[in-house]
Amino acid sequence: MIRPTVQENFSRYADCIAACNAAAAACLKCAAACLEEPDTRKMTRCIALDMDCAGIANLAASYMLRNSEFAPLVCEDCAEVCKWCKEECERYDHWHCQECAKACAACMEMCLKMTA
């Protein structure tokens, strides 16, 4: 089987890469803002999921940018972590959590398209 070129795959992956980058940024911003909340102790799980989600979203984007044959597998895992992060952030009314939940939902949706 002939693999698509990096340019061909980048065209295919461009929207997902953008969603992954946006989710990673939103997650890092959320984690930093959670640390400034009055009761950071109750935000521990949110912060941990933000960090995990940012890491895997960056990883997924890098796999797609490199045209890795494993990009769909990483995207599948990214979608799962985004789901957990989204659900946790939706529990809070903080602006940063709501923004993060939206970015994670978009990333999850795009990553699932990459696995189909």
PDB file of N, CA and C in Angstrom:
ATOM      1  N   MET A   1       0.823  -1.177   0.000  1.00  0.00           N
ATOM      2  CA  MET A   1       0.000   0.000   0.000  1.00  0.00           C
ATOM      3  C   MET A   1       0.878   1.255   0.000  1.00  0.00           C
ATOM      4  N   ILE A   2       0.547   2.202  -0.849  1.00  0.00           N
ATOM      5  CA  ILE A   2       1.292   3.454  -0.910  1.00  0.00           C
ATOM      6  C   ILE A   2       0.679   4.433   0.071  1.00  0.00           C
ATOM      7  N   ARG A   3       1.520   4.938   0.961  1.00  0.00           N
ATOM      8  CA  ARG A   3       1.048   5.901   1.965  1.00  0.00           C
ATOM      9  C   ARG A   3       0.933   7.284   1.348  1.00  0.00           C
ATOM     10  N   PRO A   4      -0.077   8.047   1.766  1.00  0.00           N
ATOM     11  CA  PRO A   4      -0.190   9.428   1.284  1.00  0.00           C
ATOM     12  C   PRO A   4       1.027  10.235   1.715  1.00  0.00           C
ATOM     13  N   THR A   5       1.336  11.277   0.968  1.00  0.00           N
ATOM     14  CA  THR A   5       2.459  12.140   1.319  1.00  0.00           C
ATOM     15  C   THR A   5       2.101  12.972   2.535  1.00  0.00           C
ATOM     16  N   VAL A   6       3.119  13.603   3.125  1.00  0.00           N
ATOM     17  CA  VAL A   6       2.898  14.477   4.278  1.00  0.00           C
ATOM     18  C   VAL A   6       1.932  15.594   3.885  1.00  0.00           C
ATOM     19  N   GLN A   7       2.120  16.160   2.698  1.00  0.00           N
ATOM     20  CA  GLN A   7       1.247  17.257   2.264  1.00  0.00           C
ATOM     21  C   GLN A   7      -0.203  16.776   2.109  1.00  0.00           C
ATOM     22  N   GLU A   8      -0.395  15.602   1.525  1.00  0.00           N
ATOM     23  CA  GLU A   8      -1.746  15.058   1.373  1.00  0.00           C
ATOM     24  C   GLU A   8      -2.395  14.813   2.735  1.00  0.00           C
ATOM     25  N   ASN A   9      -1.629  14.228   3.641  1.00  0.00           N
ATOM     26  CA  ASN A   9      -2.170  13.960   4.972  1.00  0.00           C
ATOM     27  C   ASN A   9      -2.382  15.241   5.764  1.00  0.00           C
ATOM     28  N   PHE A  10      -1.505  16.228   5.580  1.00  0.00           N
ATOM     29  CA  PHE A  10      -1.696  17.479   6.305  1.00  0.00           C
ATOM     30  C   PHE A  10      -3.025  18.115   5.893  1.00  0.00           C
ATOM     31  N   SER A  11      -3.344  18.049   4.629  1.00  0.00           N
ATOM     32  CA  SER A  11      -4.631  18.580   4.180  1.00  0.00           C
ATOM     33  C   SER A  11      -5.771  17.834   4.872  1.00  0.00           C
ATOM     34  N   ARG A  12      -5.622  16.539   4.982  1.00  0.00           N
ATOM     35  CA  ARG A  12      -6.636  15.711   5.636  1.00  0.00           C
ATOM     36  C   ARG A  12      -6.720  15.977   7.137  1.00  0.00           C
ATOM     37  N   TYR A  13      -5.569  16.214   7.747  1.00  0.00           N
ATOM     38  CA  TYR A  13      -5.481  16.372   9.193  1.00  0.00           C
ATOM     39  C   TYR A  13      -5.586  17.817   9.685  1.00  0.00           C
ATOM     40  N   ALA A  14      -5.560  18.791   8.798  1.00  0.00           N
ATOM     41  CA  ALA A  14      -5.427  20.198   9.197  1.00  0.00           C
ATOM     42  C   ALA A  14      -6.447  20.623  10.257  1.00  0.00           C
ATOM     43  N   ASP A  15      -7.706  20.287  10.070  1.00  0.00           N
ATOM     44  CA  ASP A  15      -8.734  20.696  11.035  1.00  0.00           C
ATOM     45  C   ASP A  15      -8.543  20.006  12.379  1.00  0.00           C
ATOM     46  N   CYS A  16      -8.131  18.764  12.351  1.00  0.00           N
ATOM     47  CA  CYS A  16      -7.914  18.034  13.602  1.00  0.00           C
ATOM     48  C   CYS A  16      -6.684  18.572  14.334  1.00  0.00           C
ATOM     49  N   ILE A  17      -5.643  18.887  13.591  1.00  0.00           N
ATOM     50  CA  ILE A  17      -4.440  19.470  14.210  1.00  0.00           C
ATOM     51  C   ILE A  17      -4.810  20.790  14.890  1.00  0.00           C
ATOM     52  N   ALA A  18      -5.595  21.610  14.201  1.00  0.00           N
ATOM     53  CA  ALA A  18      -6.019  22.892  14.781  1.00  0.00           C
ATOM     54  C   ALA A  18      -6.855  22.672  16.042  1.00  0.00           C
ATOM     55  N   ALA A  19      -7.750  21.691  16.009  1.00  0.00           N
ATOM     56  CA  ALA A  19      -8.583  21.392  17.184  1.00  0.00           C
ATOM     57  C   ALA A  19      -7.733  20.875  18.344  1.00  0.00           C
ATOM     58  N   CYS A  20      -6.757  20.040  18.042  1.00  0.00           N
ATOM     59  CA  CYS A  20      -5.859  19.528  19.087  1.00  0.00           C
ATOM     60  C   CYS A  20      -5.054  20.664  19.708  1.00  0.00           C
ATOM     61  N   ASN A  21      -4.522  21.550  18.866  1.00  0.00           N
ATOM     62  CA  ASN A  21      -3.747  22.679  19.384  1.00  0.00           C
ATOM     63  C   ASN A  21      -4.614  23.602  20.230  1.00  0.00           C
ATOM     64  N   ALA A  22      -5.843  23.843  19.787  1.00  0.00           N
ATOM     65  CA  ALA A  22      -6.759  24.700  20.548  1.00  0.00           C
ATOM     66  C   ALA A  22      -7.124  24.056  21.887  1.00  0.00           C
ATOM     67  N   ALA A  23      -7.351  22.756  21.885  1.00  0.00           N
ATOM     68  CA  ALA A  23      -7.677  22.053  23.123  1.00  0.00           C
ATOM     69  C   ALA A  23      -6.494  22.082  24.085  1.00  0.00           C
ATOM     70  N   ALA A  24      -5.303  21.850  23.573  1.00  0.00           N
ATOM     71  CA  ALA A  24      -4.111  21.874  24.433  1.00  0.00           C
ATOM     72  C   ALA A  24      -3.959  23.246  25.085  1.00  0.00           C
ATOM     73  N   ALA A  25      -4.138  24.297  24.311  1.00  0.00           N
ATOM     74  CA  ALA A  25      -4.021  25.659  24.852  1.00  0.00           C
ATOM     75  C   ALA A  25      -5.109  25.930  25.892  1.00  0.00           C
ATOM     76  N   ALA A  26      -6.346  25.541  25.590  1.00  0.00           N
ATOM     77  CA  ALA A  26      -7.444  25.757  26.528  1.00  0.00           C
ATOM     78  C   ALA A  26      -7.223  24.979  27.821  1.00  0.00           C
ATOM     79  N   CYS A  27      -6.705  23.763  27.706  1.00  0.00           N
ATOM     80  CA  CYS A  27      -6.448  22.941  28.887  1.00  0.00           C
ATOM     81  C   CYS A  27      -5.357  23.549  29.761  1.00  0.00           C
ATOM     82  N   LEU A  28      -4.290  24.036  29.153  1.00  0.00           N
ATOM     83  CA  LEU A  28      -3.219  24.649  29.937  1.00  0.00           C
ATOM     84  C   LEU A  28      -3.708  25.934  30.610  1.00  0.00           C
ATOM     85  N   LYS A  29      -4.505  26.717  29.887  1.00  0.00           N
ATOM     86  CA  LYS A  29      -5.071  27.937  30.460  1.00  0.00           C
ATOM     87  C   LYS A  29      -6.007  27.591  31.619  1.00  0.00           C
ATOM     88  N   CYS A  30      -6.806  26.544  31.440  1.00  0.00           N
ATOM     89  CA  CYS A  30      -7.727  26.120  32.489  1.00  0.00           C
ATOM     90  C   CYS A  30      -6.962  25.660  33.724  1.00  0.00           C
ATOM     91  N   ALA A  31      -5.945  24.872  33.528  1.00  0.00           N
ATOM     92  CA  ALA A  31      -5.155  24.386  34.672  1.00  0.00           C
ATOM     93  C   ALA A  31      -4.545  25.550  35.445  1.00  0.00           C
ATOM     94  N   ALA A  32      -3.990  26.515  34.727  1.00  0.00           N
ATOM     95  CA  ALA A  32      -3.386  27.674  35.385  1.00  0.00           C
ATOM     96  C   ALA A  32      -4.441  28.484  36.127  1.00  0.00           C
ATOM     97  N   ALA A  33      -5.607  28.661  35.512  1.00  0.00           N
ATOM     98  CA  ALA A  33      -6.684  29.425  36.156  1.00  0.00           C
ATOM     99  C   ALA A  33      -7.257  28.670  37.355  1.00  0.00           C
ATOM    100  N   CYS A  34      -7.332  27.344  37.254  1.00  0.00           N
ATOM    101  CA  CYS A  34      -7.812  26.542  38.391  1.00  0.00           C
ATOM    102  C   CYS A  34      -6.924  26.751  39.617  1.00  0.00           C
ATOM    103  N   LEU A  35      -5.639  26.925  39.379  1.00  0.00           N
ATOM    104  CA  LEU A  35      -4.702  27.135  40.485  1.00  0.00           C
ATOM    105  C   LEU A  35      -4.909  28.480  41.170  1.00  0.00           C
ATOM    106  N   GLU A  36      -5.631  29.375  40.518  1.00  0.00           N
ATOM    107  CA  GLU A  36      -5.927  30.683  41.107  1.00  0.00           C
ATOM    108  C   GLU A  36      -7.306  30.742  41.771  1.00  0.00           C
ATOM    109  N   GLU A  37      -8.057  29.663  41.668  1.00  0.00           N
ATOM    110  CA  GLU A  37      -9.377  29.614  42.299  1.00  0.00           C
ATOM    111  C   GLU A  37      -9.201  29.551  43.817  1.00  0.00           C
ATOM    112  N   PRO A  38     -10.196  30.059  44.572  1.00  0.00           N
ATOM    113  CA  PRO A  38     -10.091  30.090  46.040  1.00  0.00           C
ATOM    114  C   PRO A  38      -9.873  28.711  46.677  1.00  0.00           C
ATOM    115  N   ASP A  39     -10.548  27.692  46.166  1.00  0.00           N
ATOM    116  CA  ASP A  39     -10.410  26.346  46.736  1.00  0.00           C
ATOM    117  C   ASP A  39      -9.781  25.422  45.693  1.00  0.00           C
ATOM    118  N   THR A  40      -8.466  25.504  45.577  1.00  0.00           N
ATOM    119  CA  THR A  40      -7.774  24.696  44.562  1.00  0.00           C
ATOM    120  C   THR A  40      -7.880  23.208  44.848  1.00  0.00           C
ATOM    121  N   ARG A  41      -8.109  22.868  46.098  1.00  0.00           N
ATOM    122  CA  ARG A  41      -8.185  21.454  46.457  1.00  0.00           C
ATOM    123  C   ARG A  41      -9.312  20.739  45.710  1.00  0.00           C
ATOM    124  N   LYS A  42     -10.445  21.409  45.552  1.00  0.00           N
ATOM    125  CA  LYS A  42     -11.568  20.785  44.847  1.00  0.00           C
ATOM    126  C   LYS A  42     -11.336  20.752  43.332  1.00  0.00           C
ATOM    127  N   MET A  43     -10.312  21.450  42.868  1.00  0.00           N
ATOM    128  CA  MET A  43     -10.014  21.511  41.438  1.00  0.00           C
ATOM    129  C   MET A  43      -8.914  20.514  41.032  1.00  0.00           C
ATOM    130  N   THR A  44      -8.462  19.698  41.949  1.00  0.00           N
ATOM    131  CA  THR A  44      -7.328  18.800  41.697  1.00  0.00           C
ATOM    132  C   THR A  44      -7.549  17.895  40.491  1.00  0.00           C
ATOM    133  N   ARG A  45      -8.701  17.252  40.423  1.00  0.00           N
ATOM    134  CA  ARG A  45      -8.978  16.348  39.293  1.00  0.00           C
ATOM    135  C   ARG A  45      -9.051  17.127  37.987  1.00  0.00           C
ATOM    136  N   CYS A  46      -9.647  18.296  38.014  1.00  0.00           N
ATOM    137  CA  CYS A  46      -9.742  19.124  36.817  1.00  0.00           C
ATOM    138  C   CYS A  46      -8.339  19.488  36.318  1.00  0.00           C
ATOM    139  N   ILE A  47      -7.487  19.910  37.222  1.00  0.00           N
ATOM    140  CA  ILE A  47      -6.122  20.286  36.860  1.00  0.00           C
ATOM    141  C   ILE A  47      -5.378  19.085  36.268  1.00  0.00           C
ATOM    142  N   ALA A  48      -5.505  17.934  36.899  1.00  0.00           N
ATOM    143  CA  ALA A  48      -4.819  16.729  36.418  1.00  0.00           C
ATOM    144  C   ALA A  48      -5.306  16.342  35.017  1.00  0.00           C
ATOM    145  N   LEU A  49      -6.619  16.373  34.813  1.00  0.00           N
ATOM    146  CA  LEU A  49      -7.156  16.039  33.491  1.00  0.00           C
ATOM    147  C   LEU A  49      -6.764  17.085  32.454  1.00  0.00           C
ATOM    148  N   ASP A  50      -6.734  18.355  32.850  1.00  0.00           N
ATOM    149  CA  ASP A  50      -6.266  19.405  31.938  1.00  0.00           C
ATOM    150  C   ASP A  50      -4.853  19.101  31.452  1.00  0.00           C
ATOM    151  N   MET A  51      -3.992  18.731  32.371  1.00  0.00           N
ATOM    152  CA  MET A  51      -2.598  18.452  32.015  1.00  0.00           C
ATOM    153  C   MET A  51      -2.484  17.217  31.115  1.00  0.00           C
ATOM    154  N   ASP A  52      -3.235  16.166  31.457  1.00  0.00           N
ATOM    155  CA  ASP A  52      -3.225  14.956  30.633  1.00  0.00           C
ATOM    156  C   ASP A  52      -3.760  15.243  29.238  1.00  0.00           C
ATOM    157  N   CYS A  53      -4.837  15.997  29.183  1.00  0.00           N
ATOM    158  CA  CYS A  53      -5.466  16.289  27.899  1.00  0.00           C
ATOM    159  C   CYS A  53      -4.553  17.165  27.039  1.00  0.00           C
ATOM    160  N   ALA A  54      -3.940  18.168  27.632  1.00  0.00           N
ATOM    161  CA  ALA A  54      -3.005  19.017  26.880  1.00  0.00           C
ATOM    162  C   ALA A  54      -1.867  18.171  26.315  1.00  0.00           C
ATOM    163  N   GLY A  55      -1.362  17.261  27.116  1.00  0.00           N
ATOM    164  CA  GLY A  55      -0.253  16.415  26.664  1.00  0.00           C
ATOM    165  C   GLY A  55      -0.631  15.523  25.503  1.00  0.00           C
ATOM    166  N   ILE A  56      -1.770  14.864  25.595  1.00  0.00           N
ATOM    167  CA  ILE A  56      -2.143  13.943  24.518  1.00  0.00           C
ATOM    168  C   ILE A  56      -2.606  14.696  23.272  1.00  0.00           C
ATOM    169  N   ALA A  57      -3.204  15.869  23.456  1.00  0.00           N
ATOM    170  CA  ALA A  57      -3.604  16.669  22.291  1.00  0.00           C
ATOM    171  C   ALA A  57      -2.365  17.137  21.524  1.00  0.00           C
ATOM    172  N   ASN A  58      -1.332  17.558  22.256  1.00  0.00           N
ATOM    173  CA  ASN A  58      -0.072  17.932  21.598  1.00  0.00           C
ATOM    174  C   ASN A  58       0.559  16.729  20.906  1.00  0.00           C
ATOM    175  N   LEU A  59       0.504  15.580  21.556  1.00  0.00           N
ATOM    176  CA  LEU A  59       1.049  14.363  20.973  1.00  0.00           C
ATOM    177  C   LEU A  59       0.310  13.987  19.692  1.00  0.00           C
ATOM    178  N   ALA A  60      -1.012  14.038  19.727  1.00  0.00           N
ATOM    179  CA  ALA A  60      -1.803  13.700  18.538  1.00  0.00           C
ATOM    180  C   ALA A  60      -1.471  14.640  17.386  1.00  0.00           C
ATOM    181  N   ALA A  61      -1.376  15.927  17.679  1.00  0.00           N
ATOM    182  CA  ALA A  61      -1.028  16.887  16.620  1.00  0.00           C
ATOM    183  C   ALA A  61       0.342  16.561  16.030  1.00  0.00           C
ATOM    184  N   SER A  62       1.286  16.208  16.870  1.00  0.00           N
ATOM    185  CA  SER A  62       2.631  15.909  16.353  1.00  0.00           C
ATOM    186  C   SER A  62       2.644  14.641  15.501  1.00  0.00           C
ATOM    187  N   TYR A  63       1.854  13.643  15.868  1.00  0.00           N
ATOM    188  CA  TYR A  63       1.773  12.425  15.056  1.00  0.00           C
ATOM    189  C   TYR A  63       1.172  12.726  13.686  1.00  0.00           C
ATOM    190  N   MET A  64       0.137  13.559  13.687  1.00  0.00           N
ATOM    191  CA  MET A  64      -0.474  13.922  12.399  1.00  0.00           C
ATOM    192  C   MET A  64       0.480  14.758  11.560  1.00  0.00           C
ATOM    193  N   LEU A  65       1.182  15.694  12.176  1.00  0.00           N
ATOM    194  CA  LEU A  65       2.130  16.529  11.433  1.00  0.00           C
ATOM    195  C   LEU A  65       3.259  15.708  10.826  1.00  0.00           C
ATOM    196  N   ARG A  66       3.642  14.628  11.510  1.00  0.00           N
ATOM    197  CA  ARG A  66       4.717  13.762  11.006  1.00  0.00           C
ATOM    198  C   ARG A  66       4.215  12.703  10.044  1.00  0.00           C
ATOM    199  N   ASN A  67       2.892  12.666   9.822  1.00  0.00           N
ATOM    200  CA  ASN A  67       2.309  11.664   8.931  1.00  0.00           C
ATOM    201  C   ASN A  67       2.546  10.248   9.460  1.00  0.00           C
ATOM    202  N   SER A  68       2.504  10.114  10.779  1.00  0.00           N
ATOM    203  CA  SER A  68       2.743   8.805  11.384  1.00  0.00           C
ATOM    204  C   SER A  68       1.595   7.850  11.068  1.00  0.00           C
ATOM    205  N   GLU A  69       1.958   6.620  10.809  1.00  0.00           N
ATOM    206  CA  GLU A  69       0.935   5.601  10.576  1.00  0.00           C
ATOM    207  C   GLU A  69       0.116   5.334  11.842  1.00  0.00           C
ATOM    208  N   PHE A  70       0.622   5.766  12.993  1.00  0.00           N
ATOM    209  CA  PHE A  70      -0.065   5.552  14.266  1.00  0.00           C
ATOM    210  C   PHE A  70      -0.940   6.735  14.674  1.00  0.00           C
ATOM    211  N   ALA A  71      -1.036   7.754  13.837  1.00  0.00           N
ATOM    212  CA  ALA A  71      -1.852   8.936  14.151  1.00  0.00           C
ATOM    213  C   ALA A  71      -3.295   8.558  14.505  1.00  0.00           C
ATOM    214  N   PRO A  72      -3.945   7.664  13.753  1.00  0.00           N
ATOM    215  CA  PRO A  72      -5.323   7.313  14.125  1.00  0.00           C
ATOM    216  C   PRO A  72      -5.437   6.691  15.527  1.00  0.00           C
ATOM    217  N   LEU A  73      -4.447   5.906  15.927  1.00  0.00           N
ATOM    218  CA  LEU A  73      -4.472   5.310  17.265  1.00  0.00           C
ATOM    219  C   LEU A  73      -4.334   6.374  18.345  1.00  0.00           C
ATOM    220  N   VAL A  74      -3.423   7.311  18.132  1.00  0.00           N
ATOM    221  CA  VAL A  74      -3.229   8.378  19.113  1.00  0.00           C
ATOM    222  C   VAL A  74      -4.468   9.274  19.154  1.00  0.00           C
ATOM    223  N   CYS A  75      -5.063   9.514  17.994  1.00  0.00           N
ATOM    224  CA  CYS A  75      -6.294  10.324  17.942  1.00  0.00           C
ATOM    225  C   CYS A  75      -7.429   9.649  18.711  1.00  0.00           C
ATOM    226  N   GLU A  76      -7.487   8.342  18.633  1.00  0.00           N
ATOM    227  CA  GLU A  76      -8.518   7.611  19.378  1.00  0.00           C
ATOM    228  C   GLU A  76      -8.331   7.813  20.885  1.00  0.00           C
ATOM    229  N   ASP A  77      -7.099   7.697  21.341  1.00  0.00           N
ATOM    230  CA  ASP A  77      -6.816   7.920  22.761  1.00  0.00           C
ATOM    231  C   ASP A  77      -7.064   9.371  23.147  1.00  0.00           C
ATOM    232  N   CYS A  78      -6.701  10.286  22.263  1.00  0.00           N
ATOM    233  CA  CYS A  78      -6.918  11.706  22.523  1.00  0.00           C
ATOM    234  C   CYS A  78      -8.409  11.996  22.694  1.00  0.00           C
ATOM    235  N   ALA A  79      -9.217  11.416  21.845  1.00  0.00           N
ATOM    236  CA  ALA A  79     -10.667  11.615  21.935  1.00  0.00           C
ATOM    237  C   ALA A  79     -11.185  11.146  23.296  1.00  0.00           C
ATOM    238  N   GLU A  80     -10.673  10.036  23.778  1.00  0.00           N
ATOM    239  CA  GLU A  80     -11.113   9.504  25.076  1.00  0.00           C
ATOM    240  C   GLU A  80     -10.714  10.433  26.223  1.00  0.00           C
ATOM    241  N   VAL A  81      -9.476  10.913  26.215  1.00  0.00           N
ATOM    242  CA  VAL A  81      -9.024  11.809  27.277  1.00  0.00           C
ATOM    243  C   VAL A  81      -9.783  13.130  27.199  1.00  0.00           C
ATOM    244  N   CYS A  82     -10.036  13.627  25.984  1.00  0.00           N
ATOM    245  CA  CYS A  82     -10.822  14.857  25.814  1.00  0.00           C
ATOM    246  C   CYS A  82     -12.228  14.695  26.400  1.00  0.00           C
ATOM    247  N   LYS A  83     -12.798  13.529  26.214  1.00  0.00           N
ATOM    248  CA  LYS A  83     -14.143  13.254  26.757  1.00  0.00           C
ATOM    249  C   LYS A  83     -14.126  13.389  28.279  1.00  0.00           C
ATOM    250  N   TRP A  84     -13.147  12.786  28.923  1.00  0.00           N
ATOM    251  CA  TRP A  84     -13.053  12.839  30.383  1.00  0.00           C
ATOM    252  C   TRP A  84     -12.812  14.269  30.861  1.00  0.00           C
ATOM    253  N   CYS A  85     -11.936  14.981  30.171  1.00  0.00           N
ATOM    254  CA  CYS A  85     -11.620  16.357  30.555  1.00  0.00           C
ATOM    255  C   CYS A  85     -12.843  17.248  30.367  1.00  0.00           C
ATOM    256  N   LYS A  86     -13.533  17.099  29.263  1.00  0.00           N
ATOM    257  CA  LYS A  86     -14.754  17.865  28.984  1.00  0.00           C
ATOM    258  C   LYS A  86     -15.783  17.646  30.087  1.00  0.00           C
ATOM    259  N   GLU A  87     -16.011  16.390  30.431  1.00  0.00           N
ATOM    260  CA  GLU A  87     -17.006  16.069  31.456  1.00  0.00           C
ATOM    261  C   GLU A  87     -16.636  16.651  32.819  1.00  0.00           C
ATOM    262  N   GLU A  88     -15.363  16.621  33.148  1.00  0.00           N
ATOM    263  CA  GLU A  88     -14.928  17.201  34.422  1.00  0.00           C
ATOM    264  C   GLU A  88     -15.094  18.720  34.405  1.00  0.00           C
ATOM    265  N   CYS A  89     -14.687  19.358  33.336  1.00  0.00           N
ATOM    266  CA  CYS A  89     -14.784  20.821  33.257  1.00  0.00           C
ATOM    267  C   CYS A  89     -16.233  21.299  33.246  1.00  0.00           C
ATOM    268  N   GLU A  90     -17.125  20.499  32.692  1.00  0.00           N
ATOM    269  CA  GLU A  90     -18.536  20.871  32.663  1.00  0.00           C
ATOM    270  C   GLU A  90     -19.156  20.927  34.061  1.00  0.00           C
ATOM    271  N   ARG A  91     -18.493  20.352  35.031  1.00  0.00           N
ATOM    272  CA  ARG A  91     -19.006  20.349  36.407  1.00  0.00           C
ATOM    273  C   ARG A  91     -18.874  21.722  37.072  1.00  0.00           C
ATOM    274  N   TYR A  92     -18.060  22.598  36.488  1.00  0.00           N
ATOM    275  CA  TYR A  92     -17.758  23.888  37.105  1.00  0.00           C
ATOM    276  C   TYR A  92     -18.298  25.039  36.259  1.00  0.00           C
ATOM    277  N   ASP A  93     -18.649  26.123  36.947  1.00  0.00           N
ATOM    278  CA  ASP A  93     -19.160  27.309  36.260  1.00  0.00           C
ATOM    279  C   ASP A  93     -18.057  28.299  35.890  1.00  0.00           C
ATOM    280  N   HIS A  94     -16.838  28.000  36.238  1.00  0.00           N
ATOM    281  CA  HIS A  94     -15.729  28.918  35.940  1.00  0.00           C
ATOM    282  C   HIS A  94     -15.608  29.111  34.429  1.00  0.00           C
ATOM    283  N   TRP A  95     -15.324  30.338  34.012  1.00  0.00           N
ATOM    284  CA  TRP A  95     -15.200  30.649  32.580  1.00  0.00           C
ATOM    285  C   TRP A  95     -14.154  29.762  31.916  1.00  0.00           C
ATOM    286  N   HIS A  96     -13.051  29.536  32.596  1.00  0.00           N
ATOM    287  CA  HIS A  96     -11.962  28.759  31.994  1.00  0.00           C
ATOM    288  C   HIS A  96     -12.348  27.298  31.831  1.00  0.00           C
ATOM    289  N   CYS A  97     -13.133  26.773  32.758  1.00  0.00           N
ATOM    290  CA  CYS A  97     -13.584  25.387  32.635  1.00  0.00           C
ATOM    291  C   CYS A  97     -14.579  25.248  31.487  1.00  0.00           C
ATOM    292  N   GLN A  98     -15.465  26.210  31.345  1.00  0.00           N
ATOM    293  CA  GLN A  98     -16.446  26.158  30.257  1.00  0.00           C
ATOM    294  C   GLN A  98     -15.755  26.278  28.895  1.00  0.00           C
ATOM    295  N   GLU A  99     -14.766  27.153  28.807  1.00  0.00           N
ATOM    296  CA  GLU A  99     -13.996  27.304  27.568  1.00  0.00           C
ATOM    297  C   GLU A  99     -13.238  26.016  27.243  1.00  0.00           C
ATOM    298  N   CYS A 100     -12.670  25.415  28.263  1.00  0.00           N
ATOM    299  CA  CYS A 100     -11.921  24.168  28.093  1.00  0.00           C
ATOM    300  C   CYS A 100     -12.853  23.043  27.648  1.00  0.00           C
ATOM    301  N   ALA A 101     -14.016  22.953  28.258  1.00  0.00           N
ATOM    302  CA  ALA A 101     -14.979  21.905  27.892  1.00  0.00           C
ATOM    303  C   ALA A 101     -15.358  22.006  26.413  1.00  0.00           C
ATOM    304  N   LYS A 102     -15.568  23.220  25.934  1.00  0.00           N
ATOM    305  CA  LYS A 102     -15.916  23.414  24.518  1.00  0.00           C
ATOM    306  C   LYS A 102     -14.765  23.002  23.602  1.00  0.00           C
ATOM    307  N   ALA A 103     -13.555  23.392  23.963  1.00  0.00           N
ATOM    308  CA  ALA A 103     -12.390  23.038  23.141  1.00  0.00           C
ATOM    309  C   ALA A 103     -12.169  21.526  23.144  1.00  0.00           C
ATOM    310  N   CYS A 104     -12.367  20.896  24.283  1.00  0.00           N
ATOM    311  CA  CYS A 104     -12.206  19.440  24.369  1.00  0.00           C
ATOM    312  C   CYS A 104     -13.270  18.718  23.550  1.00  0.00           C
ATOM    313  N   ALA A 105     -14.496  19.236  23.573  1.00  0.00           N
ATOM    314  CA  ALA A 105     -15.569  18.626  22.782  1.00  0.00           C
ATOM    315  C   ALA A 105     -15.245  18.699  21.295  1.00  0.00           C
ATOM    316  N   ALA A 106     -14.736  19.834  20.849  1.00  0.00           N
ATOM    317  CA  ALA A 106     -14.377  19.995  19.434  1.00  0.00           C
ATOM    318  C   ALA A 106     -13.219  19.069  19.060  1.00  0.00           C
ATOM    319  N   CYS A 107     -12.239  18.970  19.935  1.00  0.00           N
ATOM    320  CA  CYS A 107     -11.089  18.095  19.681  1.00  0.00           C
ATOM    321  C   CYS A 107     -11.526  16.638  19.639  1.00  0.00           C
ATOM    322  N   MET A 108     -12.379  16.262  20.580  1.00  0.00           N
ATOM    323  CA  MET A 108     -12.881  14.884  20.623  1.00  0.00           C
ATOM    324  C   MET A 108     -13.589  14.541  19.308  1.00  0.00           C
ATOM    325  N   GLU A 109     -14.441  15.444  18.851  1.00  0.00           N
ATOM    326  CA  GLU A 109     -15.172  15.214  17.620  1.00  0.00           C
ATOM    327  C   GLU A 109     -14.236  15.057  16.420  1.00  0.00           C
ATOM    328  N   MET A 110     -13.253  15.941  16.315  1.00  0.00           N
ATOM    329  CA  MET A 110     -12.313  15.877  15.191  1.00  0.00           C
ATOM    330  C   MET A 110     -11.449  14.616  15.269  1.00  0.00           C
ATOM    331  N   CYS A 111     -10.998  14.274  16.455  1.00  0.00           N
ATOM    332  CA  CYS A 111     -10.161  13.080  16.596  1.00  0.00           C
ATOM    333  C   CYS A 111     -10.942  11.801  16.252  1.00  0.00           C
ATOM    334  N   LEU A 112     -12.199  11.764  16.620  1.00  0.00           N
ATOM    335  CA  LEU A 112     -13.007  10.591  16.273  1.00  0.00           C
ATOM    336  C   LEU A 112     -13.154  10.455  14.760  1.00  0.00           C
ATOM    337  N   LYS A 113     -13.208  11.566  14.055  1.00  0.00           N
ATOM    338  CA  LYS A 113     -13.276  11.524  12.589  1.00  0.00           C
ATOM    339  C   LYS A 113     -11.999  10.931  11.992  1.00  0.00           C
ATOM    340  N   MET A 114     -10.881  11.133  12.676  1.00  0.00           N
ATOM    341  CA  MET A 114      -9.595  10.617  12.182  1.00  0.00           C
ATOM    342  C   MET A 114      -9.480   9.102  12.367  1.00  0.00           C
ATOM    343  N   THR A 115     -10.295   8.557  13.258  1.00  0.00           N
ATOM    344  CA  THR A 115     -10.214   7.120  13.532  1.00  0.00           C
ATOM    345  C   THR A 115     -11.156   6.315  12.643  1.00  0.00           C
ATOM    346  N   ALA A 116     -12.047   6.997  11.966  1.00  0.00           N
ATOM    347  CA  ALA A 116     -13.041   6.302  11.118  1.00  0.00           C
ATOM    348  C   ALA A 116     -12.443   5.823   9.815  1.00  0.00           C
TER     349      ALA A 116
END
